[in-house]
């Protein structure tokens, strides 16, 4: 699972540094009401916040996965 995450994070990193992304930053995306910049932000957050999320305690009443 760690390997799959790291592979995916590597792909996301390449996409987030792409000149094409910069060129299309303000354009609408494939999702209604989202610009390309909004989707890029969600992608970056998904990769960059994993360490913080893993450090949080499991909420009461929820089994760990």
C-alpha atoms as a PDB file:
ATOM      1  CA  UNK A   1       0.000   0.000   0.000  1.00  0.00           C
ATOM      2  CA  UNK A   2       2.843   2.399   0.792  1.00  0.00           C
ATOM      3  CA  UNK A   3       4.403   1.645  -2.566  1.00  0.00           C
ATOM      4  CA  UNK A   4       1.145   2.390  -4.380  1.00  0.00           C
ATOM      5  CA  UNK A   5       0.790   5.709  -2.520  1.00  0.00           C
ATOM      6  CA  UNK A   6       4.371   6.729  -3.297  1.00  0.00           C
ATOM      7  CA  UNK A   7       3.942   5.807  -6.962  1.00  0.00           C
ATOM      8  CA  UNK A   8       0.733   7.839  -7.131  1.00  0.00           C
ATOM      9  CA  UNK A   9       2.325  10.771  -5.293  1.00  0.00           C
ATOM     10  CA  UNK A  10       5.143  10.720  -7.833  1.00  0.00           C
ATOM     11  CA  UNK A  11       2.682  10.931 -10.712  1.00  0.00           C
ATOM     12  CA  UNK A  12       0.772  13.719  -8.945  1.00  0.00           C
ATOM     13  CA  UNK A  13       4.012  15.628  -8.408  1.00  0.00           C
ATOM     14  CA  UNK A  14       4.814  15.510 -12.120  1.00  0.00           C
ATOM     15  CA  UNK A  15       1.299  16.672 -13.009  1.00  0.00           C
ATOM     16  CA  UNK A  16       1.350  19.520 -10.490  1.00  0.00           C
ATOM     17  CA  UNK A  17       4.642  20.846 -11.918  1.00  0.00           C
ATOM     18  CA  UNK A  18       3.494  20.602 -15.524  1.00  0.00           C
ATOM     19  CA  UNK A  19       3.714  23.762 -17.650  1.00  0.00           C
ATOM     20  CA  UNK A  20       0.395  22.713 -19.201  1.00  0.00           C
ATOM     21  CA  UNK A  21      -1.235  22.963 -15.770  1.00  0.00           C
ATOM     22  CA  UNK A  22       0.109  26.491 -15.378  1.00  0.00           C
ATOM     23  CA  UNK A  23      -1.219  27.440 -18.820  1.00  0.00           C
ATOM     24  CA  UNK A  24      -4.707  26.116 -17.990  1.00  0.00           C
ATOM     25  CA  UNK A  25      -4.809  27.228 -14.330  1.00  0.00           C
ATOM     26  CA  UNK A  26      -7.818  29.567 -14.677  1.00  0.00           C
ATOM     27  CA  UNK A  27      -9.751  27.490 -17.205  1.00  0.00           C
ATOM     28  CA  UNK A  28     -12.814  25.389 -16.410  1.00  0.00           C
ATOM     29  CA  UNK A  29     -12.069  21.753 -15.656  1.00  0.00           C
ATOM     30  CA  UNK A  30     -13.957  18.601 -16.585  1.00  0.00           C
ATOM     31  CA  UNK A  31     -15.968  18.985 -13.353  1.00  0.00           C
ATOM     32  CA  UNK A  32     -18.810  21.460 -13.305  1.00  0.00           C
ATOM     33  CA  UNK A  33     -18.051  24.605 -11.242  1.00  0.00           C
ATOM     34  CA  UNK A  34     -14.374  23.702 -10.794  1.00  0.00           C
ATOM     35  CA  UNK A  35     -11.455  25.395 -12.446  1.00  0.00           C
ATOM     36  CA  UNK A  36      -8.282  23.477 -13.203  1.00  0.00           C
ATOM     37  CA  UNK A  37      -6.697  25.250 -10.231  1.00  0.00           C
ATOM     38  CA  UNK A  38      -9.358  23.847  -7.883  1.00  0.00           C
ATOM     39  CA  UNK A  39      -8.761  20.284  -9.002  1.00  0.00           C
ATOM     40  CA  UNK A  40      -5.006  20.779  -8.740  1.00  0.00           C
ATOM     41  CA  UNK A  41      -5.487  21.998  -5.176  1.00  0.00           C
ATOM     42  CA  UNK A  42      -7.484  18.908  -4.245  1.00  0.00           C
ATOM     43  CA  UNK A  43      -4.843  16.666  -5.771  1.00  0.00           C
ATOM     44  CA  UNK A  44      -2.032  18.438  -3.924  1.00  0.00           C
ATOM     45  CA  UNK A  45      -3.917  18.317  -0.626  1.00  0.00           C
ATOM     46  CA  UNK A  46      -4.562  14.589  -1.016  1.00  0.00           C
ATOM     47  CA  UNK A  47      -0.836  13.944  -1.362  1.00  0.00           C
ATOM     48  CA  UNK A  48       0.602  16.545   1.004  1.00  0.00           C
ATOM     49  CA  UNK A  49      -1.704  15.991   3.994  1.00  0.00           C
ATOM     50  CA  UNK A  50      -1.372  12.219   4.345  1.00  0.00           C
ATOM     51  CA  UNK A  51       1.334  12.461   7.012  1.00  0.00           C
ATOM     52  CA  UNK A  52      -0.817  14.819   9.105  1.00  0.00           C
ATOM     53  CA  UNK A  53      -3.915  12.632   8.729  1.00  0.00           C
ATOM     54  CA  UNK A  54      -2.007   9.511   9.737  1.00  0.00           C
ATOM     55  CA  UNK A  55      -0.739  11.257  12.868  1.00  0.00           C
ATOM     56  CA  UNK A  56      -4.287  12.019  14.052  1.00  0.00           C
ATOM     57  CA  UNK A  57      -5.925   9.640  16.544  1.00  0.00           C
ATOM     58  CA  UNK A  58      -8.738   7.451  15.245  1.00  0.00           C
ATOM     59  CA  UNK A  59     -12.055   9.133  16.123  1.00  0.00           C
ATOM     60  CA  UNK A  60     -14.015   7.413  18.904  1.00  0.00           C
ATOM     61  CA  UNK A  61     -16.491   4.876  17.605  1.00  0.00           C
ATOM     62  CA  UNK A  62     -14.669   4.338  14.299  1.00  0.00           C
ATOM     63  CA  UNK A  63     -12.652   1.203  13.772  1.00  0.00           C
ATOM     64  CA  UNK A  64      -9.151   1.703  12.358  1.00  0.00           C
ATOM     65  CA  UNK A  65      -8.744   0.529   8.739  1.00  0.00           C
END
